[in-house]
Amino acid sequence: MFGSFLPDLQMGLASLFVHKLRTLLTMLGMIFGVGAVVAMLSITAGAQAEMLSYIDMLGVNNIIIEAREALDRDELQVRRTISPGLSFRDFRAIHENVAGIEALTPRKRFKPTSTLPKAQDDIPLLIGVLPNFADINSLKIISGRFFTDAENIASAPVCVLGESAKVGMLGFDDAVGKWIKVNSQWLQVIGVLTQQATADVEGLEVANRNNLIISPLNTVLRRFEDNNSYLKDEIDGIYIRVKNDVDSVEAANVVQAILNATHKEAGDFTVVVPAQLLEQRRQTSFIFSVVMICIAGISLLVGGIGIMNIMLATVLERTREIGIRRAIGAKQTDIIRQFLTEAVLISIVGGLIGIAFGFTLSRVIAAAAGWSTVVTFASIAVAFGVSVFIGLLFGIYPAVQAAKLDPIEAIRYE
């Protein structure tokens, strides 16, 4: 079977090389179409991978409660007449009334005005949490350790630095054991975190986890005063991890109901469920991918029309050749196979060039826009498979038209 196909392949290649420019122009639609599919899918895959990585880091078994900041002081004062804001009372109510909790910690943020050594870029954000914060958020220590319950009880002046905070204040040397000054307080560095993924999450006020100073909760509450503490929430966040056999969405509904009751529907908090965000993101990414493929498919469709157009012109040019082949014994299937081979060759070569173009385009976009792009085997296979299918589909009609020609009339054709 391969032996009978080889002559058709040789004839197809010879025919395409005779008209190099025309062949190249015919391929352009396939090149741009395949390139667009590969580039768009790589951008979508990159954005999805980055977002899913961050949501996964937040913890698919986690529930995050964030205090919702007021737009201005007046709004905050109005809220305080209804609700005291997020507090340790809420923390205890959740701990006592929500089943299936594995671990939870309050969080208190403090924005320093100065650090020593001076931060090279943005001043890191100081947060106070319990020691189980590292386990709840699956934080990994690259050097040193996380603080202990004893250090929290004693309000010890210790801290763990995010990777960016460490480099910005202490450079690339080992930071464990060194001291940093946050406002007027000295803290000893006892650990450094690995690089953390970052992304914007709807409903969640996201701090750059790489630019954090993490200290025991009592250390932040007792050593760092806030001049406007009477207007601030007692705590500004709660992290909860539920057990593996517990539905985090259902647990979050219970948390929401408890807080609605204690806050009297003031709307001064947000409950975020990473597992729910993960599912929503997957659905959104799938829909976006389908839309992008449809848009890029228009280019492939145009390319297919170009192939049909050029193949119909080729049939007219080679009418006498077709007549002679039929006269000396070629069957209609032989003629169909010959012209289909040429159409598929155009789409295959155009598809391969398009893959290279799409790969290059995705890299250029990543470098210019700073986006994360991921070229997957699936995107290449889809783009190439569709290009070959379109070449085959749009080559059928010209091939059948060529096979239907009357041999005698074809030989007489001028």
Protein backbone atom coordinates (compact mmCIF):
# COMPACT_ATOMS: atom_id res chain seq x y z
CA MET A 1 0.00 0.00 0.00
CA PHE A 2 2.87 2.34 0.83
CA GLY A 3 4.43 1.54 -2.54
CA SER A 4 1.30 2.74 -4.36
CA PHE A 5 1.22 5.90 -2.27
CA LEU A 6 4.88 6.81 -2.85
CA PRO A 7 4.44 7.82 -6.53
CA ASP A 8 1.52 10.07 -5.56
CA LEU A 9 3.69 11.67 -2.90
CA GLN A 10 6.52 12.26 -5.36
CA MET A 11 4.15 13.72 -7.95
CA GLY A 12 2.51 15.94 -5.34
CA LEU A 13 5.84 17.33 -4.15
CA ALA A 14 6.99 17.91 -7.73
CA SER A 15 3.77 19.77 -8.55
CA LEU A 16 4.05 21.98 -5.46
CA PHE A 17 7.71 22.83 -6.16
CA VAL A 18 6.85 23.92 -9.69
CA HIS A 19 4.78 26.77 -8.25
CA LYS A 20 6.72 27.63 -5.08
CA LEU A 21 5.29 31.12 -4.53
CA ARG A 22 1.72 30.02 -5.13
CA THR A 23 2.19 27.10 -2.75
CA LEU A 24 3.63 29.38 -0.07
CA LEU A 25 0.77 31.87 -0.40
CA THR A 26 -1.71 29.00 -0.14
CA MET A 27 0.00 27.81 3.03
CA LEU A 28 -0.19 31.21 4.74
CA GLY A 29 -3.73 30.65 5.96
CA MET A 30 -2.69 27.36 7.56
CA ILE A 31 0.50 28.87 8.99
CA PHE A 32 -1.28 31.77 10.66
CA GLY A 33 -4.20 29.61 11.77
CA VAL A 34 -2.05 26.91 13.38
CA GLY A 35 0.27 29.55 14.84
CA ALA A 36 -2.68 31.41 16.37
CA VAL A 37 -4.09 28.19 17.89
CA VAL A 38 -0.74 27.22 19.41
CA ALA A 39 -0.03 30.74 20.74
CA MET A 40 -3.52 31.27 22.18
CA LEU A 41 -3.63 27.88 23.84
CA SER A 42 -0.13 28.43 25.27
CA ILE A 43 -1.19 31.78 26.77
CA THR A 44 -4.36 30.23 28.19
CA ALA A 45 -2.46 27.23 29.57
CA GLY A 46 0.17 29.49 31.12
CA ALA A 47 -2.37 31.73 32.82
CA GLN A 48 -4.34 28.72 34.01
CA ALA A 49 -1.25 26.94 35.35
CA GLU A 50 -0.14 30.05 37.23
CA MET A 51 -3.59 30.64 38.70
CA LEU A 52 -4.16 26.99 39.60
CA SER A 53 -0.73 26.85 41.22
CA TYR A 54 -1.61 29.82 43.41
CA ILE A 55 -5.08 28.54 44.29
CA ASP A 56 -3.57 25.14 45.09
CA MET A 57 -1.04 26.91 47.32
CA LEU A 58 -3.92 28.60 49.14
CA GLY A 59 -5.11 25.08 49.87
CA VAL A 60 -8.03 23.18 48.37
CA ASN A 61 -9.06 22.16 51.90
CA ASN A 62 -8.80 25.70 53.22
CA ILE A 63 -11.28 28.47 53.98
CA ILE A 64 -10.01 32.03 54.16
CA ILE A 65 -11.86 34.82 55.94
CA GLU A 66 -10.79 38.37 55.10
CA ALA A 67 -11.90 41.56 56.84
CA ARG A 68 -13.33 43.85 54.18
CA GLU A 69 -11.79 47.29 54.40
CA ALA A 70 -14.09 50.32 54.34
CA LEU A 71 -13.74 52.87 51.56
CA ASP A 72 -13.27 55.73 54.03
CA ARG A 73 -13.33 56.59 57.72
CA ASP A 74 -17.02 57.59 57.69
CA GLU A 75 -18.09 54.24 56.28
CA LEU A 76 -15.97 52.46 58.86
CA GLN A 77 -17.58 54.40 61.73
CA VAL A 78 -21.05 53.51 60.40
CA ARG A 79 -20.05 49.84 60.29
CA ARG A 80 -18.83 49.96 63.86
CA THR A 81 -22.32 50.94 65.03
CA ILE A 82 -23.52 47.59 63.63
CA SER A 83 -20.55 45.24 63.93
CA PRO A 84 -17.28 45.21 65.92
CA GLY A 85 -15.49 43.77 62.90
CA LEU A 86 -13.54 40.54 62.68
CA SER A 87 -12.49 39.51 66.17
CA PHE A 88 -11.21 36.73 68.42
CA ARG A 89 -14.84 36.16 69.36
CA ASP A 90 -15.47 35.12 65.73
CA PHE A 91 -12.38 32.92 65.84
CA ARG A 92 -13.64 31.11 68.94
CA ALA A 93 -17.18 30.79 67.57
CA ILE A 94 -15.90 29.16 64.39
CA HIS A 95 -13.57 26.86 66.33
CA GLU A 96 -16.38 25.68 68.61
CA ASN A 97 -19.24 25.38 66.12
CA VAL A 98 -17.81 24.25 62.77
CA ALA A 99 -17.29 20.50 62.50
CA GLY A 100 -14.33 18.94 60.72
CA ILE A 101 -11.76 21.69 61.34
CA GLU A 102 -8.20 20.39 61.30
CA ALA A 103 -6.44 23.68 62.09
CA LEU A 104 -7.11 27.42 62.13
CA THR A 105 -5.27 30.61 62.92
CA PRO A 106 -6.15 34.30 63.23
CA ARG A 107 -4.06 36.85 61.35
CA LYS A 108 -3.14 40.44 62.19
CA ARG A 109 -1.42 42.64 59.59
CA PHE A 110 0.80 45.62 60.28
CA LYS A 111 2.23 47.94 57.63
CA PRO A 112 5.67 49.17 58.75
CA THR A 113 6.85 52.65 57.86
CA SER A 114 10.53 51.73 57.95
CA THR A 115 12.90 48.79 58.18
CA LEU A 116 16.58 48.35 58.94
CA PRO A 117 18.32 47.26 56.81
CA LYS A 118 16.30 49.43 54.48
CA ALA A 119 14.17 47.51 51.99
CA GLN A 120 15.36 48.01 48.42
CA ASP A 121 11.85 48.09 46.95
CA ASP A 122 8.49 48.00 48.75
CA ILE A 123 8.58 47.76 52.54
CA PRO A 124 7.51 44.21 53.45
CA LEU A 125 4.17 43.64 55.16
CA LEU A 126 4.33 42.30 58.71
CA ILE A 127 1.74 39.67 59.66
CA GLY A 128 1.15 37.95 62.97
CA VAL A 129 -0.16 34.37 62.96
CA LEU A 130 -0.06 31.18 65.00
CA PRO A 131 2.65 28.58 64.28
CA ASN A 132 0.17 26.32 62.43
CA PHE A 133 -0.05 28.99 59.70
CA ALA A 134 2.84 27.23 57.92
CA ASP A 135 1.00 23.89 57.83
CA ILE A 136 -2.35 25.40 56.86
CA ASN A 137 -0.76 27.19 53.88
CA SER A 138 1.78 24.45 53.03
CA LEU A 139 4.65 26.91 53.41
CA LYS A 140 8.12 25.49 52.79
CA ILE A 141 11.19 26.73 54.62
CA ILE A 142 14.34 26.99 52.53
CA SER A 143 16.53 27.70 55.55
CA GLY A 144 15.99 27.85 59.31
CA ARG A 145 12.62 27.03 60.85
CA PHE A 146 9.16 28.40 61.66
CA PHE A 147 8.40 29.79 65.13
CA THR A 148 6.86 27.68 67.90
CA ASP A 149 3.89 27.90 70.28
CA ALA A 150 6.29 28.77 73.11
CA GLU A 151 7.65 31.72 71.12
CA ASN A 152 4.11 32.91 70.43
CA ILE A 153 3.13 32.70 74.11
CA ALA A 154 6.27 34.63 75.05
CA SER A 155 5.73 37.25 72.29
CA ALA A 156 9.28 36.45 71.18
CA PRO A 157 10.95 38.96 68.83
CA VAL A 158 11.43 36.48 66.00
CA CYS A 159 10.31 36.35 62.38
CA VAL A 160 10.31 34.34 59.18
CA LEU A 161 10.99 36.19 55.93
CA GLY A 162 9.51 35.74 52.50
CA GLU A 163 12.09 35.30 49.74
CA SER A 164 11.72 38.84 48.33
CA ALA A 165 11.74 40.42 51.79
CA LYS A 166 14.93 38.56 52.66
CA VAL A 167 16.74 39.54 49.46
CA GLY A 168 15.48 43.14 49.65
CA MET A 169 16.76 43.69 53.19
CA LEU A 170 19.60 41.22 53.72
CA GLY A 171 20.79 40.33 50.24
CA PHE A 172 21.60 36.83 49.04
CA ASP A 173 23.66 35.74 52.05
CA ASP A 174 22.26 33.44 54.73
CA ALA A 175 19.76 35.47 56.78
CA VAL A 176 19.08 33.04 59.64
CA GLY A 177 20.29 34.47 62.95
CA LYS A 178 20.47 38.05 61.72
CA TRP A 179 18.38 40.89 63.17
CA ILE A 180 16.10 43.32 61.35
CA LYS A 181 14.43 46.44 62.71
CA VAL A 182 10.74 46.98 61.93
CA ASN A 183 9.78 50.51 62.96
CA SER A 184 11.22 50.62 66.49
CA GLN A 185 11.24 46.85 67.17
CA TRP A 186 14.11 44.43 66.53
CA LEU A 187 13.24 40.95 65.25
CA GLN A 188 15.59 38.01 64.79
CA VAL A 189 15.28 36.07 61.53
CA ILE A 190 14.82 32.37 62.30
CA GLY A 191 13.67 31.17 58.88
CA VAL A 192 13.29 32.01 55.19
CA LEU A 193 10.48 30.77 52.92
CA THR A 194 10.89 29.38 49.42
CA GLN A 195 9.58 31.39 46.46
CA GLN A 196 5.77 31.52 46.55
CA ALA A 197 3.37 31.77 43.61
CA THR A 198 1.36 35.00 43.40
CA ALA A 199 -1.84 35.91 41.56
CA ASP A 200 -4.97 38.03 41.88
CA VAL A 201 -7.88 36.14 43.38
CA GLU A 202 -11.42 37.48 43.23
CA GLY A 203 -12.75 38.27 46.70
CA LEU A 204 -9.34 37.97 48.34
CA GLU A 205 -7.02 40.82 49.20
CA VAL A 206 -3.80 39.21 48.06
CA ALA A 207 -0.51 40.23 49.67
CA ASN A 208 2.71 39.29 47.93
CA ARG A 209 3.69 36.24 49.96
CA ASN A 210 7.30 36.68 48.93
CA ASN A 211 7.43 40.15 50.52
CA LEU A 212 6.24 39.22 54.01
CA ILE A 213 7.66 39.36 57.49
CA ILE A 214 5.84 36.65 59.47
CA SER A 215 5.95 36.82 63.26
CA PRO A 216 4.04 35.18 66.12
CA LEU A 217 0.56 36.63 66.56
CA ASN A 218 1.22 37.84 70.12
CA THR A 219 4.45 39.51 69.01
CA VAL A 220 2.59 41.66 66.49
CA LEU A 221 -0.32 42.40 68.85
CA ARG A 222 1.86 43.41 71.80
CA ARG A 223 4.98 44.92 70.22
CA PHE A 224 3.45 46.88 67.33
CA GLU A 225 0.90 49.54 68.22
CA ASP A 226 -1.63 50.97 65.80
CA ASN A 227 -2.67 54.58 66.42
CA ASN A 228 -6.09 53.90 64.93
CA SER A 229 -6.59 50.51 66.60
CA TYR A 230 -9.97 51.57 67.98
CA LEU A 231 -11.24 51.73 64.40
CA LYS A 232 -9.42 48.63 63.16
CA ASP A 233 -10.64 45.06 63.32
CA GLU A 234 -9.22 43.14 66.26
CA ILE A 235 -7.91 40.65 63.71
CA ASP A 236 -8.11 41.02 59.94
CA GLY A 237 -8.11 37.44 58.74
CA ILE A 238 -8.73 33.83 59.71
CA TYR A 239 -7.25 30.80 57.93
CA ILE A 240 -9.04 27.47 58.32
CA ARG A 241 -8.09 24.01 57.10
CA VAL A 242 -10.77 21.33 57.16
CA LYS A 243 -10.19 17.58 57.16
CA ASN A 244 -9.87 15.72 53.87
CA ASP A 245 -13.28 14.04 54.24
CA VAL A 246 -15.06 17.37 54.87
CA ASP A 247 -16.63 19.41 52.07
CA SER A 248 -14.93 22.81 52.33
CA VAL A 249 -17.80 24.54 50.52
CA GLU A 250 -20.38 23.25 53.02
CA ALA A 251 -18.08 24.16 55.92
CA ALA A 252 -17.72 27.65 54.45
CA ASN A 253 -21.50 28.02 54.36
CA VAL A 254 -21.59 27.28 58.08
CA VAL A 255 -18.80 29.82 58.68
CA GLN A 256 -20.69 32.40 56.62
CA ALA A 257 -23.87 31.83 58.66
CA ILE A 258 -22.02 32.20 61.98
CA LEU A 259 -20.33 35.44 60.90
CA ASN A 260 -23.54 36.86 59.45
CA ALA A 261 -25.15 36.36 62.85
CA THR A 262 -22.29 37.85 64.89
CA HIS A 263 -21.75 40.75 62.46
CA LYS A 264 -25.48 41.45 62.01
CA GLU A 265 -25.27 41.32 58.21
CA ALA A 266 -22.82 44.27 58.17
CA GLY A 267 -21.00 42.86 55.15
CA ASP A 268 -17.59 43.65 56.62
CA PHE A 269 -15.96 40.31 55.79
CA THR A 270 -15.42 37.97 52.85
CA VAL A 271 -15.30 34.16 52.93
CA VAL A 272 -13.10 32.67 50.20
CA VAL A 273 -13.06 28.94 49.37
CA PRO A 274 -10.05 28.04 47.17
CA ALA A 275 -11.67 24.73 46.11
CA GLN A 276 -14.66 26.66 44.75
CA LEU A 277 -12.37 29.16 43.02
CA LEU A 278 -10.45 26.25 41.52
CA GLU A 279 -13.56 24.77 39.95
CA GLN A 280 -14.74 28.16 38.69
CA ARG A 281 -11.32 28.86 37.19
CA ARG A 282 -11.28 25.51 35.41
CA GLN A 283 -14.69 26.15 33.90
CA THR A 284 -13.73 29.69 32.85
CA SER A 285 -10.45 28.48 31.35
CA PHE A 286 -12.24 25.77 29.39
CA ILE A 287 -14.76 28.25 27.97
CA PHE A 288 -11.97 30.72 27.15
CA SER A 289 -9.96 27.99 25.42
CA VAL A 290 -12.95 26.98 23.31
CA VAL A 291 -13.58 30.59 22.29
CA MET A 292 -9.92 31.11 21.40
CA ILE A 293 -9.85 27.92 19.34
CA CYS A 294 -12.99 29.00 17.49
CA ILE A 295 -11.45 32.38 16.69
CA ALA A 296 -8.22 30.79 15.51
CA GLY A 297 -10.27 28.22 13.61
CA ILE A 298 -11.53 31.02 11.37
CA SER A 299 -7.97 31.45 10.11
CA LEU A 300 -7.78 27.72 9.46
CA LEU A 301 -11.09 27.87 7.63
CA VAL A 302 -9.78 30.66 5.43
CA GLY A 303 -6.69 28.55 4.83
CA GLY A 304 -8.86 25.62 3.83
CA ILE A 305 -10.80 27.78 1.37
CA GLY A 306 -7.46 28.90 -0.08
CA ILE A 307 -6.43 25.26 -0.54
CA MET A 308 -9.70 24.46 -2.31
CA ASN A 309 -9.36 27.49 -4.54
CA ILE A 310 -5.81 26.70 -5.60
CA MET A 311 -6.60 23.01 -6.13
CA LEU A 312 -9.53 23.87 -8.39
CA ALA A 313 -7.19 26.10 -10.39
CA THR A 314 -4.68 23.23 -10.53
CA VAL A 315 -7.34 20.88 -11.89
CA LEU A 316 -8.03 23.30 -14.76
CA GLU A 317 -4.32 23.69 -15.48
CA ARG A 318 -3.75 19.94 -15.57
CA THR A 319 -6.89 18.85 -17.37
CA ARG A 320 -4.93 17.36 -20.30
CA GLU A 321 -2.62 15.53 -17.88
CA ILE A 322 -5.65 14.05 -16.11
CA GLY A 323 -7.14 12.97 -19.44
CA ILE A 324 -3.90 11.26 -20.51
CA ARG A 325 -3.58 9.43 -17.18
CA ARG A 326 -7.18 8.21 -17.44
CA ALA A 327 -6.62 7.15 -21.06
CA ILE A 328 -3.64 4.96 -20.18
CA GLY A 329 -5.49 3.19 -17.38
CA ALA A 330 -5.57 5.37 -14.25
CA LYS A 331 -8.72 4.89 -12.20
CA GLN A 332 -10.83 7.64 -10.67
CA THR A 333 -9.51 6.66 -7.22
CA ASP A 334 -5.95 7.23 -8.49
CA ILE A 335 -6.82 10.76 -9.57
CA ILE A 336 -8.59 11.47 -6.27
CA ARG A 337 -5.62 10.17 -4.31
CA GLN A 338 -3.18 12.27 -6.35
CA PHE A 339 -4.98 15.58 -5.72
CA LEU A 340 -5.82 14.76 -2.10
CA THR A 341 -2.13 14.06 -1.52
CA GLU A 342 -1.23 17.52 -2.81
CA ALA A 343 -3.89 19.22 -0.64
CA VAL A 344 -2.80 17.33 2.47
CA LEU A 345 0.87 18.07 1.76
CA ILE A 346 0.07 21.79 1.72
CA SER A 347 -1.72 21.55 5.07
CA ILE A 348 0.99 19.36 6.65
CA VAL A 349 3.86 21.63 5.66
CA GLY A 350 1.79 24.71 6.56
CA GLY A 351 0.90 23.11 9.89
CA LEU A 352 4.53 22.36 10.75
CA ILE A 353 5.62 25.91 9.91
CA GLY A 354 2.60 27.20 11.87
CA ILE A 355 3.65 25.22 14.96
CA ALA A 356 7.11 26.80 14.83
CA PHE A 357 5.51 30.22 14.30
CA GLY A 358 3.09 29.72 17.21
CA PHE A 359 5.86 28.52 19.52
CA THR A 360 8.00 31.57 18.64
CA LEU A 361 5.00 33.90 19.00
CA SER A 362 4.20 32.56 22.48
CA ARG A 363 7.80 33.12 23.58
CA VAL A 364 7.80 36.67 22.21
CA ILE A 365 4.53 37.43 24.03
CA ALA A 366 5.92 35.96 27.26
CA ALA A 367 9.07 38.08 27.02
CA ALA A 368 7.31 41.31 25.97
CA ALA A 369 4.25 41.18 28.24
CA GLY A 370 5.70 39.24 31.15
CA TRP A 371 2.99 36.59 30.85
CA SER A 372 3.48 32.95 31.62
CA THR A 373 3.00 30.73 28.56
CA VAL A 374 3.00 26.94 28.37
CA VAL A 375 3.19 25.20 24.99
CA THR A 376 1.65 21.77 25.57
CA PHE A 377 1.73 18.68 23.40
CA ALA A 378 -2.08 18.79 23.36
CA SER A 379 -2.13 22.29 21.82
CA ILE A 380 0.35 21.23 19.13
CA ALA A 381 -1.56 18.02 18.41
CA VAL A 382 -4.91 19.84 18.19
CA ALA A 383 -3.58 22.57 15.91
CA PHE A 384 -1.72 20.18 13.62
CA GLY A 385 -4.58 17.65 13.53
CA VAL A 386 -7.11 20.32 12.60
CA SER A 387 -4.84 21.68 9.85
CA VAL A 388 -4.43 18.22 8.29
CA PHE A 389 -8.18 17.58 8.58
CA ILE A 390 -8.99 20.88 6.87
CA GLY A 391 -6.51 20.11 4.06
CA LEU A 392 -8.20 16.75 3.57
CA LEU A 393 -11.72 18.18 3.81
CA PHE A 394 -11.19 21.05 1.39
CA GLY A 395 -9.17 18.88 -0.97
CA ILE A 396 -11.95 16.35 -1.48
CA TYR A 397 -14.13 18.49 -3.77
CA PRO A 398 -11.35 19.47 -6.24
CA ALA A 399 -10.09 15.85 -6.26
CA VAL A 400 -13.55 14.47 -7.03
CA GLN A 401 -14.05 17.09 -9.74
CA ALA A 402 -10.76 16.04 -11.32
CA ALA A 403 -11.74 12.34 -11.18
CA LYS A 404 -15.11 13.04 -12.85
CA LEU A 405 -13.56 14.60 -15.96
CA ASP A 406 -14.30 12.75 -19.18
CA PRO A 407 -10.95 11.39 -20.47
CA ILE A 408 -11.66 12.23 -24.13
CA GLU A 409 -12.85 15.77 -23.40
CA ALA A 410 -9.94 16.26 -21.03
CA ILE A 411 -7.38 15.30 -23.67
CA ARG A 412 -8.98 17.78 -26.10
CA TYR A 413 -8.93 20.58 -23.50
CA GLU A 414 -6.71 23.54 -24.40
